[in-house]
Amino acid sequence: MNIRTISTRLRGTAAFVLLPALALTACGSGGTAGTGPVGAQSSAPTDDPVAAVREVDSVAALLPADVRKAGTLRIGSSIGFPPGAYYPDGPGKPPAGQDIDITDAVAKILGVKAVRQDASFETILPALGSGKYDVGTGNFGVTTQRLKTVDFVTYINDGQGFAVKKGTTTLKKKVTDLTQLCGLTIGTGAGTTFETTLTAQKDVCAKAGKKPYEVKVYSENGATLTALQQGRIDVIMSTINGLRYQASQPAAQTAFLGEYHRLDVGFAFKKGSPLTKAFQAAVNELIEDGTYARILKKWGTTASAIDTSQINPPEHT
């Protein structure tokens, strides 16, 4: 969603945040302007639960004939940070992450090749309508606003959370109300549900008789973390799984402040796409045969598992 009236758009040459199991690493080749990289490179988990996945004829038959004939799906993919999707060995090398594994497994069930095209998060949903991509991935939360223009097939339950620099005295407990952020500067991602939530509720502080919070929006996750480490923002709002994973890495020096709002996360399609039933059946096949559970275990996101995939569920309230 694209409400940005109070946002400060910061688009540098920042690296993505990449936080593998042993150390904080940089997804890109450098850091934000005037800074060095966030950390050193590291590799992803080596187990491969997708390797044994095979085509399921009854599910593949749900694909439109032209897609089956072409044998490919164009995936608009936002590569951000673990455990969702990131570059363990730097740009130009294969990406890794939970979203990468689930997408590849779905493609194998459907008997097609996933042709991944990297794109910035905020450009993917609009590009679906133009036909540039068949599918969008990037930890897209299912919201009432997005459902007006995009179809979703869910594959995980994630959502919104907050993190601060470790040792800070600014916020010490779970954020349950945005008035706890009054007077602070919050960093978040461009075009995200986080930006929309913060913008839509920008008047909560004034209503409470407090100084408003400020929102700074970054195109790349490495820039957000660098801003937090350098004291240019007080708190980060991002994905629950991403922030929890980040806080588990000592080099990141962040503390996770808990879940604020849960959201279903799904593959995104243009409205009325004939691909949704095939994708839903493929995700449910992965859940049934155990591949789904193995992928989530690999990336430490088992707590975000869903029991069944849905098409366009209502937003969690």
Protein backbone atom coordinates (compact mmCIF):
# COMPACT_ATOMS: atom_id res chain seq x y z
CA MET A 1 0.00 0.00 0.00
CA ASN A 2 1.22 3.40 -0.95
CA ILE A 3 0.19 6.02 1.66
CA ARG A 4 3.29 8.09 2.32
CA THR A 5 2.13 11.52 3.50
CA ILE A 6 4.33 11.63 6.59
CA SER A 7 7.18 9.52 5.31
CA THR A 8 10.69 10.64 4.60
CA ARG A 9 11.86 8.74 1.55
CA LEU A 10 15.46 7.66 1.90
CA ARG A 11 16.84 5.82 -1.09
CA GLY A 12 20.56 5.29 -0.87
CA THR A 13 22.85 2.59 -2.09
CA ALA A 14 22.38 0.67 1.13
CA ALA A 15 22.93 -3.03 1.50
CA PHE A 16 20.13 -5.36 2.49
CA VAL A 17 20.27 -6.87 5.96
CA LEU A 18 21.38 -10.44 5.91
CA LEU A 19 21.50 -12.25 9.20
CA PRO A 20 22.45 -15.91 8.88
CA ALA A 21 22.96 -18.33 11.68
CA LEU A 22 26.38 -17.25 12.93
CA ALA A 23 26.91 -13.59 12.08
CA LEU A 24 25.34 -10.42 10.76
CA THR A 25 25.96 -10.14 7.04
CA ALA A 26 25.25 -7.73 4.21
CA CYS A 27 22.85 -8.72 1.43
CA GLY A 28 24.25 -6.12 -0.91
CA SER A 29 27.72 -5.05 -1.84
CA GLY A 30 27.94 -2.09 0.49
CA GLY A 31 26.30 -0.06 3.21
CA THR A 32 24.36 3.14 3.25
CA ALA A 33 25.98 6.26 1.87
CA GLY A 34 28.89 7.19 4.11
CA THR A 35 28.97 3.83 5.89
CA GLY A 36 30.59 0.46 5.40
CA PRO A 37 28.85 -2.86 4.88
CA VAL A 38 26.76 -4.12 7.74
CA GLY A 39 28.88 -7.25 8.09
CA ALA A 40 30.62 -10.18 6.50
CA GLN A 41 29.16 -12.76 4.11
CA SER A 42 27.87 -16.12 5.31
CA SER A 43 26.13 -19.12 3.79
CA ALA A 44 22.58 -20.36 4.19
CA PRO A 45 21.45 -23.64 5.78
CA THR A 46 22.51 -26.52 3.55
CA ASP A 47 19.59 -28.95 3.94
CA ASP A 48 17.29 -29.04 0.92
CA PRO A 49 13.71 -30.20 1.62
CA VAL A 50 12.70 -29.08 -1.88
CA ALA A 51 14.96 -31.58 -3.65
CA ALA A 52 12.55 -34.49 -3.31
CA VAL A 53 9.46 -32.59 -4.49
CA ARG A 54 7.93 -33.95 -7.69
CA GLU A 55 5.15 -32.85 -10.03
CA VAL A 56 1.63 -33.80 -8.97
CA ASP A 57 -0.44 -34.30 -12.11
CA SER A 58 -3.82 -33.54 -10.52
CA VAL A 59 -2.52 -30.21 -9.20
CA ALA A 60 -0.60 -29.29 -12.37
CA ALA A 61 -3.82 -29.85 -14.31
CA LEU A 62 -5.30 -26.80 -12.55
CA LEU A 63 -2.90 -24.50 -14.40
CA PRO A 64 -4.21 -22.64 -17.47
CA ALA A 65 -3.28 -24.40 -20.70
CA ASP A 66 -1.05 -21.56 -21.90
CA VAL A 67 1.01 -21.66 -18.70
CA ARG A 68 1.40 -25.45 -18.89
CA LYS A 69 2.53 -25.12 -22.49
CA ALA A 70 5.04 -22.37 -21.69
CA GLY A 71 6.36 -24.34 -18.73
CA THR A 72 7.40 -21.20 -16.83
CA LEU A 73 6.06 -18.73 -14.30
CA ARG A 74 7.42 -15.20 -14.06
CA ILE A 75 8.00 -14.47 -10.38
CA GLY A 76 8.43 -10.85 -9.28
CA SER A 77 10.59 -11.41 -6.20
CA SER A 78 11.61 -8.96 -3.50
CA ILE A 79 14.86 -10.18 -1.95
CA GLY A 80 15.15 -8.65 1.50
CA PHE A 81 16.50 -10.40 4.58
CA PRO A 82 16.35 -13.78 6.29
CA PRO A 83 14.51 -15.89 6.99
CA GLY A 84 12.24 -14.81 4.11
CA ALA A 85 14.50 -14.17 1.11
CA TYR A 86 18.08 -12.94 0.93
CA TYR A 87 21.44 -13.32 -0.80
CA PRO A 88 23.70 -15.45 1.42
CA ASP A 89 26.60 -15.08 -1.01
CA GLY A 90 25.87 -11.61 -2.37
CA PRO A 91 23.97 -10.32 -5.42
CA GLY A 92 24.59 -12.32 -8.56
CA LYS A 93 24.51 -15.56 -6.58
CA PRO A 94 21.38 -17.63 -5.92
CA PRO A 95 18.99 -16.27 -3.29
CA ALA A 96 17.89 -18.35 -0.32
CA GLY A 97 15.19 -18.27 2.32
CA GLN A 98 11.80 -19.56 3.31
CA ASP A 99 9.99 -17.76 0.46
CA ILE A 100 12.50 -19.04 -2.08
CA ASP A 101 12.07 -22.65 -0.94
CA ILE A 102 8.26 -22.49 -0.83
CA THR A 103 8.07 -20.87 -4.27
CA ASP A 104 10.44 -23.42 -5.80
CA ALA A 105 8.54 -26.29 -4.19
CA VAL A 106 5.21 -24.98 -5.53
CA ALA A 107 6.71 -24.68 -9.02
CA LYS A 108 7.90 -28.30 -8.85
CA ILE A 109 4.46 -29.51 -7.76
CA LEU A 110 3.01 -27.64 -10.74
CA GLY A 111 5.61 -28.99 -13.16
CA VAL A 112 6.85 -25.56 -14.26
CA LYS A 113 10.02 -23.53 -13.84
CA ALA A 114 10.00 -20.46 -11.60
CA VAL A 115 11.75 -17.67 -13.49
CA ARG A 116 12.63 -15.22 -10.75
CA GLN A 117 12.98 -11.51 -11.52
CA ASP A 118 14.32 -9.37 -8.67
CA ALA A 119 12.27 -6.26 -7.98
CA SER A 120 11.93 -3.69 -5.22
CA PHE A 121 9.12 -4.49 -2.81
CA GLU A 122 6.93 -1.48 -3.57
CA THR A 123 6.95 -2.06 -7.36
CA ILE A 124 5.73 -5.66 -7.45
CA LEU A 125 2.01 -5.35 -6.68
CA PRO A 126 1.40 -2.57 -9.26
CA ALA A 127 3.35 -4.59 -11.85
CA LEU A 128 1.05 -7.59 -11.44
CA GLY A 129 -1.82 -5.62 -12.94
CA SER A 130 0.24 -4.72 -15.99
CA GLY A 131 1.11 -8.36 -16.63
CA LYS A 132 4.83 -7.94 -16.01
CA TYR A 133 4.81 -10.82 -13.51
CA ASP A 134 2.54 -13.83 -13.09
CA VAL A 135 3.16 -14.00 -9.34
CA GLY A 136 4.64 -11.69 -6.70
CA THR A 137 6.57 -12.78 -3.62
CA GLY A 138 8.05 -10.67 -0.85
CA ASN A 139 6.30 -11.48 2.43
CA PHE A 140 3.18 -9.65 1.24
CA GLY A 141 0.67 -9.37 4.05
CA VAL A 142 -3.00 -9.85 3.21
CA THR A 143 -4.84 -6.62 4.01
CA THR A 144 -8.30 -5.30 3.26
CA GLN A 145 -6.84 -2.52 1.13
CA ARG A 146 -4.64 -4.82 -0.94
CA LEU A 147 -7.52 -7.26 -1.53
CA LYS A 148 -9.26 -4.55 -3.53
CA THR A 149 -6.67 -4.83 -6.32
CA VAL A 150 -4.72 -8.06 -5.71
CA ASP A 151 -5.55 -11.73 -5.18
CA PHE A 152 -3.64 -13.75 -2.58
CA VAL A 153 -2.92 -17.41 -1.93
CA THR A 154 -1.67 -17.76 1.64
CA TYR A 155 1.34 -19.82 2.68
CA ILE A 156 2.39 -18.51 6.11
CA ASN A 157 1.21 -16.34 8.99
CA ASP A 158 3.63 -13.55 9.91
CA GLY A 159 2.84 -9.92 10.63
CA GLN A 160 4.07 -6.72 12.24
CA GLY A 161 6.52 -6.25 15.09
CA PHE A 162 9.04 -3.81 16.53
CA ALA A 163 12.73 -3.90 17.46
CA VAL A 164 15.13 -1.49 19.15
CA LYS A 165 18.86 -1.26 19.59
CA LYS A 166 19.98 -3.66 22.30
CA GLY A 167 20.45 -1.93 25.65
CA THR A 168 18.29 1.06 24.78
CA THR A 169 16.16 2.61 27.49
CA THR A 170 13.74 4.21 25.02
CA LEU A 171 11.40 1.21 24.89
CA LYS A 172 11.75 -1.75 27.22
CA LYS A 173 8.55 -3.72 26.75
CA LYS A 174 6.31 -5.09 24.02
CA VAL A 175 4.62 -2.46 21.87
CA THR A 176 0.87 -2.97 22.12
CA ASP A 177 -0.28 0.56 21.34
CA LEU A 178 1.22 3.10 18.94
CA THR A 179 1.02 5.79 21.61
CA GLN A 180 4.05 4.07 23.13
CA LEU A 181 5.98 5.41 20.11
CA CYS A 182 5.00 9.05 20.54
CA GLY A 183 8.00 11.36 20.24
CA LEU A 184 10.15 8.65 18.69
CA THR A 185 11.51 8.16 15.15
CA ILE A 186 10.45 4.91 13.51
CA GLY A 187 12.22 3.31 10.54
CA THR A 188 10.35 1.01 8.18
CA GLY A 189 10.20 -0.25 4.58
CA ALA A 190 8.79 1.48 1.52
CA GLY A 191 5.37 0.36 0.33
CA THR A 192 4.82 -1.96 3.31
CA THR A 193 1.91 -2.60 5.64
CA PHE A 194 4.13 -1.09 8.34
CA GLU A 195 4.32 2.24 6.52
CA THR A 196 0.57 2.16 5.96
CA THR A 197 -0.23 1.35 9.59
CA LEU A 198 2.00 4.13 10.91
CA THR A 199 0.64 6.64 8.43
CA ALA A 200 -3.02 5.74 8.95
CA GLN A 201 -2.69 6.18 12.71
CA LYS A 202 -0.43 9.24 12.70
CA ASP A 203 -2.93 11.25 14.77
CA VAL A 204 -2.98 8.88 17.78
CA CYS A 205 -0.32 10.87 19.60
CA ALA A 206 -2.08 14.22 19.14
CA LYS A 207 -5.29 12.66 20.45
CA ALA A 208 -3.35 11.47 23.49
CA GLY A 209 -1.83 14.93 23.99
CA LYS A 210 1.65 13.70 23.13
CA LYS A 211 4.35 14.66 20.63
CA PRO A 212 3.80 12.81 17.32
CA TYR A 213 6.12 10.09 16.15
CA GLU A 214 8.17 10.55 12.98
CA VAL A 215 8.39 7.93 10.23
CA LYS A 216 11.45 7.42 8.05
CA VAL A 217 11.00 5.07 5.11
CA TYR A 218 13.87 3.11 3.58
CA SER A 219 14.01 1.19 0.32
CA GLU A 220 16.47 -1.37 1.64
CA ASN A 221 16.60 -3.19 4.94
CA GLY A 222 20.32 -2.69 5.51
CA ALA A 223 19.75 1.06 5.57
CA THR A 224 17.11 0.67 8.27
CA LEU A 225 19.37 -1.38 10.53
CA THR A 226 22.29 0.99 9.99
CA ALA A 227 20.07 3.94 10.93
CA LEU A 228 19.10 2.15 14.15
CA GLN A 229 22.69 1.30 14.99
CA GLN A 230 23.77 4.91 14.39
CA GLY A 231 20.94 6.39 16.43
CA ARG A 232 19.16 8.10 13.54
CA ILE A 233 15.98 6.17 14.34
CA ASP A 234 14.75 4.84 17.68
CA VAL A 235 12.82 1.77 16.61
CA ILE A 236 12.25 -0.48 13.57
CA MET A 237 8.85 -1.75 12.47
CA SER A 238 9.10 -4.82 10.25
CA THR A 239 8.12 -8.49 9.97
CA ILE A 240 7.77 -10.58 13.10
CA ASN A 241 9.91 -13.40 11.72
CA GLY A 242 12.55 -11.07 10.29
CA LEU A 243 12.97 -9.06 13.50
CA ARG A 244 12.96 -12.18 15.68
CA TYR A 245 15.63 -13.74 13.47
CA GLN A 246 17.64 -10.51 13.48
CA ALA A 247 17.55 -10.24 17.28
CA SER A 248 18.90 -13.79 17.57
CA GLN A 249 22.13 -12.72 15.85
CA PRO A 250 24.58 -11.18 18.38
CA ALA A 251 26.23 -8.91 15.81
CA ALA A 252 22.92 -7.19 15.01
CA GLN A 253 22.66 -5.80 18.54
CA THR A 254 18.86 -5.53 18.39
CA ALA A 255 16.09 -6.53 20.79
CA PHE A 256 12.72 -7.79 19.54
CA LEU A 257 9.73 -6.09 21.20
CA GLY A 258 7.16 -8.71 20.32
CA GLU A 259 4.24 -9.11 17.95
CA TYR A 260 2.02 -6.12 17.26
CA HIS A 261 -0.39 -7.44 14.60
CA ARG A 262 -0.55 -10.81 12.87
CA LEU A 263 -1.19 -11.04 9.12
CA ASP A 264 -1.59 -13.88 6.66
CA VAL A 265 1.15 -13.75 4.03
CA GLY A 266 0.62 -14.94 0.49
CA PHE A 267 1.61 -15.21 -3.11
CA ALA A 268 0.21 -12.15 -4.90
CA PHE A 269 -1.60 -12.18 -8.26
CA LYS A 270 -3.46 -9.70 -10.41
CA LYS A 271 -7.15 -9.58 -9.59
CA GLY A 272 -9.01 -12.47 -11.19
CA SER A 273 -5.86 -14.46 -11.99
CA PRO A 274 -6.56 -18.05 -13.13
CA LEU A 275 -3.45 -19.20 -11.23
CA THR A 276 -4.81 -18.95 -7.71
CA LYS A 277 -6.51 -22.36 -7.49
CA ALA A 278 -3.41 -24.15 -8.76
CA PHE A 279 -1.18 -22.35 -6.26
CA GLN A 280 -3.58 -23.04 -3.40
CA ALA A 281 -3.67 -26.75 -4.27
CA ALA A 282 0.13 -26.84 -4.55
CA VAL A 283 0.65 -25.24 -1.12
CA ASN A 284 -1.86 -27.65 0.42
CA GLU A 285 -0.06 -30.58 -1.22
CA LEU A 286 3.20 -29.42 0.39
CA ILE A 287 1.46 -29.14 3.76
CA GLU A 288 0.00 -32.62 3.41
CA ASP A 289 3.20 -34.38 2.33
CA GLY A 290 5.34 -32.76 5.06
CA THR A 291 7.59 -30.68 2.80
CA TYR A 292 6.08 -27.47 4.13
CA ALA A 293 6.89 -28.36 7.74
CA ARG A 294 10.48 -29.24 6.79
CA ILE A 295 10.95 -25.90 5.00
CA LEU A 296 9.69 -23.95 8.00
CA LYS A 297 11.85 -25.99 10.38
CA LYS A 298 14.89 -25.23 8.20
CA TRP A 299 14.28 -21.48 8.52
CA GLY A 300 13.11 -21.43 12.13
CA THR A 301 9.58 -20.24 11.32
CA THR A 302 7.52 -23.23 12.49
CA ALA A 303 5.48 -20.97 14.78
CA SER A 304 4.14 -19.23 11.65
CA ALA A 305 2.80 -22.38 9.99
CA ILE A 306 -0.72 -22.45 8.57
CA ASP A 307 -3.01 -25.50 8.52
CA THR A 308 -4.36 -24.88 5.05
CA SER A 309 -3.85 -22.38 2.24
CA GLN A 310 -6.64 -19.91 1.51
CA ILE A 311 -7.53 -17.65 -1.38
CA ASN A 312 -8.22 -14.06 -0.30
CA PRO A 313 -8.96 -14.55 3.41
CA PRO A 314 -10.11 -11.45 5.30
CA GLU A 315 -7.47 -9.42 7.08
CA HIS A 316 -6.84 -10.37 10.71
CA THR A 317 -8.37 -7.87 13.11
